[in-house]
Amino acid sequence: FLIGCGTALNNPAWQASVGDMVPRSDLPAAVALNSMGFNITRSVGPA
């Protein structure tokens, strides 16, 4: 639960910051890459 609290504090700031790192035209691709990055680790991390 405490780790989830840290995630709750981090996520809005991180996701809102993506729009500050890339131009609006690249935002859909950036969101997809964030999902892909998490799931790259999900593909090998659990094993």
All heavy atoms as atom14 arrays in JSON, in Angstrom:
{
  "sequence": "FLIGCGTALNNPAWQASVGDMVPRSDLPAAVALNSMGFNITRSVGPA",
  "atom14_mask": [
    [1, 1, 1, 1, 1, 1, 1, 1, 1, 1, 1, 0, 0, 0],
    [1, 1, 1, 1, 1, 1, 1, 1, 0, 0, 0, 0, 0, 0],
    [1, 1, 1, 1, 1, 1, 1, 1, 0, 0, 0, 0, 0, 0],
    [1, 1, 1, 1, 0, 0, 0, 0, 0, 0, 0, 0, 0, 0],
    [1, 1, 1, 1, 1, 1, 0, 0, 0, 0, 0, 0, 0, 0],
    [1, 1, 1, 1, 0, 0, 0, 0, 0, 0, 0, 0, 0, 0],
    [1, 1, 1, 1, 1, 1, 1, 0, 0, 0, 0, 0, 0, 0],
    [1, 1, 1, 1, 1, 0, 0, 0, 0, 0, 0, 0, 0, 0],
    [1, 1, 1, 1, 1, 1, 1, 1, 0, 0, 0, 0, 0, 0],
    [1, 1, 1, 1, 1, 1, 1, 1, 0, 0, 0, 0, 0, 0],
    [1, 1, 1, 1, 1, 1, 1, 1, 0, 0, 0, 0, 0, 0],
    [1, 1, 1, 1, 1, 1, 1, 0, 0, 0, 0, 0, 0, 0],
    [1, 1, 1, 1, 1, 0, 0, 0, 0, 0, 0, 0, 0, 0],
    [1, 1, 1, 1, 1, 1, 1, 1, 1, 1, 1, 1, 1, 1],
    [1, 1, 1, 1, 1, 1, 1, 1, 1, 0, 0, 0, 0, 0],
    [1, 1, 1, 1, 1, 0, 0, 0, 0, 0, 0, 0, 0, 0],
    [1, 1, 1, 1, 1, 1, 0, 0, 0, 0, 0, 0, 0, 0],
    [1, 1, 1, 1, 1, 1, 1, 0, 0, 0, 0, 0, 0, 0],
    [1, 1, 1, 1, 0, 0, 0, 0, 0, 0, 0, 0, 0, 0],
    [1, 1, 1, 1, 1, 1, 1, 1, 0, 0, 0, 0, 0, 0],
    [1, 1, 1, 1, 1, 1, 1, 1, 0, 0, 0, 0, 0, 0],
    [1, 1, 1, 1, 1, 1, 1, 0, 0, 0, 0, 0, 0, 0],
    [1, 1, 1, 1, 1, 1, 1, 0, 0, 0, 0, 0, 0, 0],
    [1, 1, 1, 1, 1, 1, 1, 1, 1, 1, 1, 0, 0, 0],
    [1, 1, 1, 1, 1, 1, 0, 0, 0, 0, 0, 0, 0, 0],
    [1, 1, 1, 1, 1, 1, 1, 1, 0, 0, 0, 0, 0, 0],
    [1, 1, 1, 1, 1, 1, 1, 1, 0, 0, 0, 0, 0, 0],
    [1, 1, 1, 1, 1, 1, 1, 0, 0, 0, 0, 0, 0, 0],
    [1, 1, 1, 1, 1, 0, 0, 0, 0, 0, 0, 0, 0, 0],
    [1, 1, 1, 1, 1, 0, 0, 0, 0, 0, 0, 0, 0, 0],
    [1, 1, 1, 1, 1, 1, 1, 0, 0, 0, 0, 0, 0, 0],
    [1, 1, 1, 1, 1, 0, 0, 0, 0, 0, 0, 0, 0, 0],
    [1, 1, 1, 1, 1, 1, 1, 1, 0, 0, 0, 0, 0, 0],
    [1, 1, 1, 1, 1, 1, 1, 1, 0, 0, 0, 0, 0, 0],
    [1, 1, 1, 1, 1, 1, 0, 0, 0, 0, 0, 0, 0, 0],
    [1, 1, 1, 1, 1, 1, 1, 1, 0, 0, 0, 0, 0, 0],
    [1, 1, 1, 1, 0, 0, 0, 0, 0, 0, 0, 0, 0, 0],
    [1, 1, 1, 1, 1, 1, 1, 1, 1, 1, 1, 0, 0, 0],
    [1, 1, 1, 1, 1, 1, 1, 1, 0, 0, 0, 0, 0, 0],
    [1, 1, 1, 1, 1, 1, 1, 1, 0, 0, 0, 0, 0, 0],
    [1, 1, 1, 1, 1, 1, 1, 0, 0, 0, 0, 0, 0, 0],
    [1, 1, 1, 1, 1, 1, 1, 1, 1, 1, 1, 0, 0, 0],
    [1, 1, 1, 1, 1, 1, 0, 0, 0, 0, 0, 0, 0, 0],
    [1, 1, 1, 1, 1, 1, 1, 0, 0, 0, 0, 0, 0, 0],
    [1, 1, 1, 1, 0, 0, 0, 0, 0, 0, 0, 0, 0, 0],
    [1, 1, 1, 1, 1, 1, 1, 0, 0, 0, 0, 0, 0, 0],
    [1, 1, 1, 1, 1, 0, 0, 0, 0, 0, 0, 0, 0, 0]
  ],
  "atom14_positions": [
    [[0.84, -1.2, 0.0], [0.0, 0.0, 0.0], [0.88, 1.26, 0.0], [0.6, 2.22, -0.73], [-0.92, -0.01, 1.22], [-1.8, 1.21, 1.34], [-3.0, 1.28, 0.66], [-1.43, 2.28, 2.14], [-3.82, 2.4, 0.76], [-2.23, 3.4, 2.26], [-3.44, 3.45, 1.56], [0.0, 0.0, 0.0], [0.0, 0.0, 0.0], [0.0, 0.0, 0.0]],
    [[1.94, 1.26, 0.8], [2.83, 2.42, 0.84], [3.53, 2.62, -0.5], [3.7, 3.77, -0.95], [3.87, 2.24, 1.95], [3.36, 2.35, 3.39], [4.52, 2.17, 4.37], [2.67, 3.68, 3.64], [0.0, 0.0, 0.0], [0.0, 0.0, 0.0], [0.0, 0.0, 0.0], [0.0, 0.0, 0.0], [0.0, 0.0, 0.0], [0.0, 0.0, 0.0]],
    [[3.95, 1.55, -1.13], [4.56, 1.68, -2.46], [3.54, 2.24, -3.44], [3.85, 3.08, -4.29], [5.11, 0.32, -2.94], [6.31, -0.07, -2.07], [5.49, 0.37, -4.41], [6.85, -1.46, -2.35], [0.0, 0.0, 0.0], [0.0, 0.0, 0.0], [0.0, 0.0, 0.0], [0.0, 0.0, 0.0], [0.0, 0.0, 0.0], [0.0, 0.0, 0.0]],
    [[2.28, 1.8, -3.29], [1.22, 2.37, -4.13], [1.04, 3.86, -3.88], [0.73, 4.62, -4.8], [0.0, 0.0, 0.0], [0.0, 0.0, 0.0], [0.0, 0.0, 0.0], [0.0, 0.0, 0.0], [0.0, 0.0, 0.0], [0.0, 0.0, 0.0], [0.0, 0.0, 0.0], [0.0, 0.0, 0.0], [0.0, 0.0, 0.0], [0.0, 0.0, 0.0]],
    [[1.22, 4.3, -2.63], [1.13, 5.74, -2.32], [2.21, 6.52, -3.07], [1.96, 7.61, -3.58], [1.26, 5.97, -0.81], [-0.16, 5.4, 0.15], [0.0, 0.0, 0.0], [0.0, 0.0, 0.0], [0.0, 0.0, 0.0], [0.0, 0.0, 0.0], [0.0, 0.0, 0.0], [0.0, 0.0, 0.0], [0.0, 0.0, 0.0], [0.0, 0.0, 0.0]],
    [[3.42, 5.97, -3.1], [4.49, 6.61, -3.85], [4.17, 6.68, -5.34], [4.42, 7.69, -6.0], [0.0, 0.0, 0.0], [0.0, 0.0, 0.0], [0.0, 0.0, 0.0], [0.0, 0.0, 0.0], [0.0, 0.0, 0.0], [0.0, 0.0, 0.0], [0.0, 0.0, 0.0], [0.0, 0.0, 0.0], [0.0, 0.0, 0.0], [0.0, 0.0, 0.0]],
    [[3.6, 5.61, -5.87], [3.2, 5.6, -7.27], [2.11, 6.64, -7.53], [2.12, 7.32, -8.56], [2.68, 4.2, -7.66], [3.7, 3.24, -7.4], [2.31, 4.14, -9.13], [0.0, 0.0, 0.0], [0.0, 0.0, 0.0], [0.0, 0.0, 0.0], [0.0, 0.0, 0.0], [0.0, 0.0, 0.0], [0.0, 0.0, 0.0], [0.0, 0.0, 0.0]],
    [[1.17, 6.77, -6.59], [0.09, 7.76, -6.75], [0.65, 9.19, -6.78], [0.14, 10.04, -7.51], [-0.91, 7.62, -5.6], [0.0, 0.0, 0.0], [0.0, 0.0, 0.0], [0.0, 0.0, 0.0], [0.0, 0.0, 0.0], [0.0, 0.0, 0.0], [0.0, 0.0, 0.0], [0.0, 0.0, 0.0], [0.0, 0.0, 0.0], [0.0, 0.0, 0.0]],
    [[1.69, 9.45, -6.0], [2.31, 10.77, -6.01], [3.09, 11.0, -7.3], [3.09, 12.1, -7.87], [3.24, 10.92, -4.8], [4.01, 12.24, -4.68], [3.05, 13.42, -4.55], [4.97, 12.19, -3.49], [0.0, 0.0, 0.0], [0.0, 0.0, 0.0], [0.0, 0.0, 0.0], [0.0, 0.0, 0.0], [0.0, 0.0, 0.0], [0.0, 0.0, 0.0]],
    [[3.74, 9.96, -7.79], [4.63, 10.09, -8.95], [3.88, 10.19, -10.28], [4.24, 10.99, -11.16], [5.57, 8.89, -8.99], [6.54, 8.94, -10.16], [7.54, 9.63, -10.12], [6.25, 8.19, -11.21], [0.0, 0.0, 0.0], [0.0, 0.0, 0.0], [0.0, 0.0, 0.0], [0.0, 0.0, 0.0], [0.0, 0.0, 0.0], [0.0, 0.0, 0.0]],
    [[2.83, 9.38, -10.46], [2.26, 9.19, -11.79], [1.68, 10.46, -12.44], [1.96, 10.73, -13.61], [1.19, 8.1, -11.75], [1.81, 6.71, -11.78], [3.02, 6.56, -11.86], [0.97, 5.68, -11.7], [0.0, 0.0, 0.0], [0.0, 0.0, 0.0], [0.0, 0.0, 0.0], [0.0, 0.0, 0.0], [0.0, 0.0, 0.0], [0.0, 0.0, 0.0]],
    [[0.85, 11.26, -11.74], [0.34, 12.46, -12.42], [1.45, 13.41, -12.86], [1.4, 13.97, -13.96], [-0.56, 13.1, -11.36], [-0.97, 11.98, -10.47], [0.24, 11.1, -10.41], [0.0, 0.0, 0.0], [0.0, 0.0, 0.0], [0.0, 0.0, 0.0], [0.0, 0.0, 0.0], [0.0, 0.0, 0.0], [0.0, 0.0, 0.0], [0.0, 0.0, 0.0]],
    [[2.48, 13.59, -12.02], [3.58, 14.47, -12.39], [4.34, 13.92, -13.59], [4.71, 14.66, -14.51], [4.52, 14.66, -11.2], [0.0, 0.0, 0.0], [0.0, 0.0, 0.0], [0.0, 0.0, 0.0], [0.0, 0.0, 0.0], [0.0, 0.0, 0.0], [0.0, 0.0, 0.0], [0.0, 0.0, 0.0], [0.0, 0.0, 0.0], [0.0, 0.0, 0.0]],
    [[4.58, 12.61, -13.6], [5.32, 12.0, -14.71], [4.52, 12.07, -16.0], [5.03, 12.49, -17.04], [5.67, 10.56, -14.35], [5.99, 9.67, -15.52], [5.41, 8.48, -15.83], [7.0, 9.87, -16.52], [5.96, 7.95, -16.96], [6.95, 8.79, -17.42], [7.92, 10.88, -16.77], [7.78, 8.67, -18.53], [8.75, 10.77, -17.88], [8.69, 9.68, -18.74]],
    [[3.26, 11.69, -15.96], [2.47, 11.68, -17.19], [2.23, 13.1, -17.72], [2.24, 13.32, -18.93], [1.14, 10.96, -16.95], [1.33, 9.49, -16.65], [0.03, 8.72, -16.65], [-0.97, 9.16, -17.19], [0.03, 7.55, -16.02], [0.0, 0.0, 0.0], [0.0, 0.0, 0.0], [0.0, 0.0, 0.0], [0.0, 0.0, 0.0], [0.0, 0.0, 0.0]],
    [[2.03, 14.06, -16.82], [1.86, 15.44, -17.27], [3.16, 16.0, -17.83], [3.15, 16.87, -18.7], [1.36, 16.31, -16.12], [0.0, 0.0, 0.0], [0.0, 0.0, 0.0], [0.0, 0.0, 0.0], [0.0, 0.0, 0.0], [0.0, 0.0, 0.0], [0.0, 0.0, 0.0], [0.0, 0.0, 0.0], [0.0, 0.0, 0.0], [0.0, 0.0, 0.0]],
    [[4.3, 15.5, -17.34], [5.6, 15.99, -17.81], [5.93, 15.52, -19.22], [6.78, 16.12, -19.89], [6.72, 15.53, -16.86], [6.57, 16.12, -15.58], [0.0, 0.0, 0.0], [0.0, 0.0, 0.0], [0.0, 0.0, 0.0], [0.0, 0.0, 0.0], [0.0, 0.0, 0.0], [0.0, 0.0, 0.0], [0.0, 0.0, 0.0], [0.0, 0.0, 0.0]],
    [[5.29, 14.44, -19.67], [5.57, 13.94, -21.03], [5.26, 15.03, -22.05], [6.01, 15.23, -23.02], [4.75, 12.67, -21.32], [4.91, 12.24, -22.77], [5.19, 11.54, -20.39], [0.0, 0.0, 0.0], [0.0, 0.0, 0.0], [0.0, 0.0, 0.0], [0.0, 0.0, 0.0], [0.0, 0.0, 0.0], [0.0, 0.0, 0.0], [0.0, 0.0, 0.0]],
    [[4.18, 15.79, -21.83], [3.83, 16.87, -22.73], [4.82, 18.01, -22.7], [4.85, 18.85, -23.61], [0.0, 0.0, 0.0], [0.0, 0.0, 0.0], [0.0, 0.0, 0.0], [0.0, 0.0, 0.0], [0.0, 0.0, 0.0], [0.0, 0.0, 0.0], [0.0, 0.0, 0.0], [0.0, 0.0, 0.0], [0.0, 0.0, 0.0], [0.0, 0.0, 0.0]],
    [[5.67, 18.08, -21.65], [6.73, 19.09, -21.58], [8.01, 18.6, -22.25], [8.91, 19.41, -22.53], [7.03, 19.44, -20.12], [5.81, 19.99, -19.39], [5.0, 20.66, -20.05], [5.68, 19.73, -18.18], [0.0, 0.0, 0.0], [0.0, 0.0, 0.0], [0.0, 0.0, 0.0], [0.0, 0.0, 0.0], [0.0, 0.0, 0.0], [0.0, 0.0, 0.0]],
    [[8.11, 17.3, -22.49], [9.34, 16.72, -23.06], [9.26, 16.57, -24.57], [10.29, 16.54, -25.25], [9.61, 15.35, -22.43], [9.84, 15.36, -20.94], [10.04, 13.67, -20.31], [9.93, 13.96, -18.55], [0.0, 0.0, 0.0], [0.0, 0.0, 0.0], [0.0, 0.0, 0.0], [0.0, 0.0, 0.0], [0.0, 0.0, 0.0], [0.0, 0.0, 0.0]],
    [[8.05, 16.39, -25.11], [7.89, 16.17, -26.55], [6.83, 17.13, -27.08], [5.95, 17.57, -26.32], [7.47, 14.72, -26.85], [8.49, 13.74, -26.32], [6.09, 14.41, -26.29], [0.0, 0.0, 0.0], [0.0, 0.0, 0.0], [0.0, 0.0, 0.0], [0.0, 0.0, 0.0], [0.0, 0.0, 0.0], [0.0, 0.0, 0.0], [0.0, 0.0, 0.0]],
    [[6.86, 17.47, -28.36], [5.81, 18.32, -28.93], [4.48, 17.58, -29.0], [4.42, 16.35, -28.93], [6.34, 18.65, -30.34], [7.31, 17.56, -30.65], [7.91, 17.15, -29.34], [0.0, 0.0, 0.0], [0.0, 0.0, 0.0], [0.0, 0.0, 0.0], [0.0, 0.0, 0.0], [0.0, 0.0, 0.0], [0.0, 0.0, 0.0], [0.0, 0.0, 0.0]],
    [[3.42, 18.35, -29.16], [2.07, 17.78, -29.15], [1.89, 16.71, -30.22], [1.21, 15.7, -30.01], [1.06, 18.92, -29.35], [-0.4, 18.5, -29.26], [-1.29, 19.72, -29.42], [-2.69, 19.38, -29.47], [-3.47, 19.19, -28.41], [-2.96, 19.3, -27.21], [-4.75, 18.89, -28.53], [0.0, 0.0, 0.0], [0.0, 0.0, 0.0], [0.0, 0.0, 0.0]],
    [[2.52, 16.88, -31.38], [2.36, 15.91, -32.47], [2.95, 14.55, -32.12], [2.54, 13.53, -32.67], [3.02, 16.45, -33.74], [4.4, 16.68, -33.53], [0.0, 0.0, 0.0], [0.0, 0.0, 0.0], [0.0, 0.0, 0.0], [0.0, 0.0, 0.0], [0.0, 0.0, 0.0], [0.0, 0.0, 0.0], [0.0, 0.0, 0.0], [0.0, 0.0, 0.0]],
    [[3.92, 14.51, -31.19], [4.55, 13.25, -30.79], [3.93, 12.66, -29.53], [4.37, 11.6, -29.06], [6.05, 13.45, -30.55], [6.84, 13.62, -31.84], [6.32, 13.2, -32.89], [7.95, 14.17, -31.79], [0.0, 0.0, 0.0], [0.0, 0.0, 0.0], [0.0, 0.0, 0.0], [0.0, 0.0, 0.0], [0.0, 0.0, 0.0], [0.0, 0.0, 0.0]],
    [[2.92, 13.33, -28.96], [2.38, 12.88, -27.68], [1.75, 11.49, -27.74], [2.03, 10.66, -26.86], [1.37, 13.91, -27.16], [0.85, 13.68, -25.74], [2.0, 13.63, -24.74], [-0.14, 14.78, -25.34], [0.0, 0.0, 0.0], [0.0, 0.0, 0.0], [0.0, 0.0, 0.0], [0.0, 0.0, 0.0], [0.0, 0.0, 0.0], [0.0, 0.0, 0.0]],
    [[0.9, 11.16, -28.74], [0.36, 9.79, -28.77], [1.45, 8.72, -28.82], [1.36, 7.7, -28.13], [-0.5, 9.78, -30.04], [-0.87, 11.19, -30.27], [0.32, 11.98, -29.82], [0.0, 0.0, 0.0], [0.0, 0.0, 0.0], [0.0, 0.0, 0.0], [0.0, 0.0, 0.0], [0.0, 0.0, 0.0], [0.0, 0.0, 0.0], [0.0, 0.0, 0.0]],
    [[2.5, 8.96, -29.63], [3.59, 7.99, -29.71], [4.34, 7.91, -28.38], [4.77, 6.82, -27.96], [4.55, 8.38, -30.83], [0.0, 0.0, 0.0], [0.0, 0.0, 0.0], [0.0, 0.0, 0.0], [0.0, 0.0, 0.0], [0.0, 0.0, 0.0], [0.0, 0.0, 0.0], [0.0, 0.0, 0.0], [0.0, 0.0, 0.0], [0.0, 0.0, 0.0]],
    [[4.5, 9.05, -27.69], [5.21, 9.05, -26.41], [4.43, 8.26, -25.36], [5.02, 7.5, -24.57], [5.44, 10.48, -25.93], [0.0, 0.0, 0.0], [0.0, 0.0, 0.0], [0.0, 0.0, 0.0], [0.0, 0.0, 0.0], [0.0, 0.0, 0.0], [0.0, 0.0, 0.0], [0.0, 0.0, 0.0], [0.0, 0.0, 0.0], [0.0, 0.0, 0.0]],
    [[3.11, 8.43, -25.32], [2.29, 7.67, -24.37], [2.39, 6.17, -24.67], [2.52, 5.34, -23.76], [0.82, 8.14, -24.44], [-0.08, 7.23, -23.62], [0.71, 9.58, -23.94], [0.0, 0.0, 0.0], [0.0, 0.0, 0.0], [0.0, 0.0, 0.0], [0.0, 0.0, 0.0], [0.0, 0.0, 0.0], [0.0, 0.0, 0.0], [0.0, 0.0, 0.0]],
    [[2.33, 5.81, -25.97], [2.46, 4.41, -26.34], [3.83, 3.86, -25.97], [3.95, 2.71, -25.51], [2.19, 4.24, -27.83], [0.0, 0.0, 0.0], [0.0, 0.0, 0.0], [0.0, 0.0, 0.0], [0.0, 0.0, 0.0], [0.0, 0.0, 0.0], [0.0, 0.0, 0.0], [0.0, 0.0, 0.0], [0.0, 0.0, 0.0], [0.0, 0.0, 0.0]],
    [[4.89, 4.67, -26.15], [6.23, 4.21, -25.78], [6.36, 4.02, -24.27], [7.07, 3.1, -23.82], [7.27, 5.22, -26.27], [7.6, 5.17, -27.77], [8.52, 6.32, -28.14], [8.24, 3.84, -28.13], [0.0, 0.0, 0.0], [0.0, 0.0, 0.0], [0.0, 0.0, 0.0], [0.0, 0.0, 0.0], [0.0, 0.0, 0.0], [0.0, 0.0, 0.0]],
    [[5.71, 4.86, -23.49], [5.72, 4.65, -22.04], [5.08, 3.32, -21.69], [5.58, 2.57, -20.84], [5.0, 5.79, -21.33], [5.86, 7.01, -21.17], [7.08, 6.93, -21.2], [5.24, 8.17, -21.02], [0.0, 0.0, 0.0], [0.0, 0.0, 0.0], [0.0, 0.0, 0.0], [0.0, 0.0, 0.0], [0.0, 0.0, 0.0], [0.0, 0.0, 0.0]],
    [[3.95, 3.02, -22.34], [3.3, 1.73, -22.11], [4.21, 0.59, -22.58], [4.33, -0.44, -21.91], [1.97, 1.67, -22.85], [1.08, 2.64, -22.36], [0.0, 0.0, 0.0], [0.0, 0.0, 0.0], [0.0, 0.0, 0.0], [0.0, 0.0, 0.0], [0.0, 0.0, 0.0], [0.0, 0.0, 0.0], [0.0, 0.0, 0.0], [0.0, 0.0, 0.0]],
    [[4.84, 0.77, -23.73], [5.73, -0.26, -24.24], [6.91, -0.47, -23.31], [7.31, -1.61, -23.04], [6.23, 0.12, -25.63], [7.05, -0.99, -26.3], [7.68, -0.53, -27.93], [9.02, 0.56, -27.46], [0.0, 0.0, 0.0], [0.0, 0.0, 0.0], [0.0, 0.0, 0.0], [0.0, 0.0, 0.0], [0.0, 0.0, 0.0], [0.0, 0.0, 0.0]],
    [[7.47, 0.64, -22.78], [8.6, 0.5, -21.87], [8.24, -0.3, -20.64], [9.0, -1.2, -20.22], [0.0, 0.0, 0.0], [0.0, 0.0, 0.0], [0.0, 0.0, 0.0], [0.0, 0.0, 0.0], [0.0, 0.0, 0.0], [0.0, 0.0, 0.0], [0.0, 0.0, 0.0], [0.0, 0.0, 0.0], [0.0, 0.0, 0.0], [0.0, 0.0, 0.0]],
    [[7.07, 0.02, -20.07], [6.65, -0.74, -18.89], [6.49, -2.22, -19.24], [6.87, -3.11, -18.47], [5.34, -0.17, -18.36], [4.78, -0.94, -17.2], [5.32, -0.81, -15.94], [3.71, -1.81, -17.37], [4.81, -1.52, -14.86], [3.2, -2.52, -16.31], [3.75, -2.38, -15.05], [0.0, 0.0, 0.0], [0.0, 0.0, 0.0], [0.0, 0.0, 0.0]],
    [[5.95, -2.48, -20.42], [5.66, -3.87, -20.76], [6.86, -4.62, -21.33], [6.85, -5.86, -21.36], [4.48, -3.91, -21.72], [3.18, -3.59, -21.0], [2.7, -4.37, -20.21], [2.65, -2.39, -21.24], [0.0, 0.0, 0.0], [0.0, 0.0, 0.0], [0.0, 0.0, 0.0], [0.0, 0.0, 0.0], [0.0, 0.0, 0.0], [0.0, 0.0, 0.0]],
    [[7.9, -3.89, -21.77], [9.16, -4.57, -22.06], [9.68, -5.21, -20.78], [10.1, -6.37, -20.76], [10.19, -3.57, -22.64], [9.84, -3.24, -24.08], [11.61, -4.15, -22.56], [10.73, -2.15, -24.67], [0.0, 0.0, 0.0], [0.0, 0.0, 0.0], [0.0, 0.0, 0.0], [0.0, 0.0, 0.0], [0.0, 0.0, 0.0], [0.0, 0.0, 0.0]],
    [[9.64, -4.43, -19.7], [10.07, -4.99, -18.42], [9.11, -6.06, -17.94], [9.52, -7.04, -17.31], [10.19, -3.88, -17.36], [8.92, -3.23, -17.21], [11.22, -2.85, -17.76], [0.0, 0.0, 0.0], [0.0, 0.0, 0.0], [0.0, 0.0, 0.0], [0.0, 0.0, 0.0], [0.0, 0.0, 0.0], [0.0, 0.0, 0.0], [0.0, 0.0, 0.0]],
    [[7.82, -5.89, -18.25], [6.86, -6.91, -17.84], [7.1, -8.23, -18.56], [6.78, -9.3, -18.05], [5.43, -6.4, -18.11], [4.35, -7.41, -17.78], [2.97, -6.8, -17.95], [2.48, -6.29, -16.69], [1.42, -5.49, -16.58], [0.79, -5.1, -17.65], [1.02, -5.06, -15.4], [0.0, 0.0, 0.0], [0.0, 0.0, 0.0], [0.0, 0.0, 0.0]],
    [[7.65, -8.16, -19.78], [7.86, -9.39, -20.54], [9.0, -10.23, -19.97], [9.01, -11.45, -20.12], [8.15, -9.06, -22.0], [9.36, -8.34, -22.12], [0.0, 0.0, 0.0], [0.0, 0.0, 0.0], [0.0, 0.0, 0.0], [0.0, 0.0, 0.0], [0.0, 0.0, 0.0], [0.0, 0.0, 0.0], [0.0, 0.0, 0.0], [0.0, 0.0, 0.0]],
    [[9.98, -9.58, -19.33], [11.11, -10.34, -18.78], [11.2, -10.22, -17.26], [11.69, -11.14, -16.59], [12.44, -9.88, -19.42], [12.46, -10.23, -20.89], [12.66, -8.38, -19.24], [0.0, 0.0, 0.0], [0.0, 0.0, 0.0], [0.0, 0.0, 0.0], [0.0, 0.0, 0.0], [0.0, 0.0, 0.0], [0.0, 0.0, 0.0], [0.0, 0.0, 0.0]],
    [[10.72, -9.08, -16.72], [10.83, -8.87, -15.28], [10.18, -9.95, -14.43], [10.8, -10.47, -13.49], [0.0, 0.0, 0.0], [0.0, 0.0, 0.0], [0.0, 0.0, 0.0], [0.0, 0.0, 0.0], [0.0, 0.0, 0.0], [0.0, 0.0, 0.0], [0.0, 0.0, 0.0], [0.0, 0.0, 0.0], [0.0, 0.0, 0.0], [0.0, 0.0, 0.0]],
    [[8.93, -10.33, -14.73], [8.29, -11.37, -13.92], [9.02, -12.71, -13.97], [9.14, -13.4, -12.95], [6.89, -11.47, -14.53], [6.64, -10.14, -15.13], [7.97, -9.71, -15.67], [0.0, 0.0, 0.0], [0.0, 0.0, 0.0], [0.0, 0.0, 0.0], [0.0, 0.0, 0.0], [0.0, 0.0, 0.0], [0.0, 0.0, 0.0], [0.0, 0.0, 0.0]],
    [[9.51, -13.09, -15.16], [10.23, -14.35, -15.26], [11.52, -14.28, -14.43], [11.86, -15.22, -13.7], [10.56, -14.67, -16.71], [0.0, 0.0, 0.0], [0.0, 0.0, 0.0], [0.0, 0.0, 0.0], [0.0, 0.0, 0.0], [0.0, 0.0, 0.0], [0.0, 0.0, 0.0], [0.0, 0.0, 0.0], [0.0, 0.0, 0.0], [0.0, 0.0, 0.0]]
  ]
}
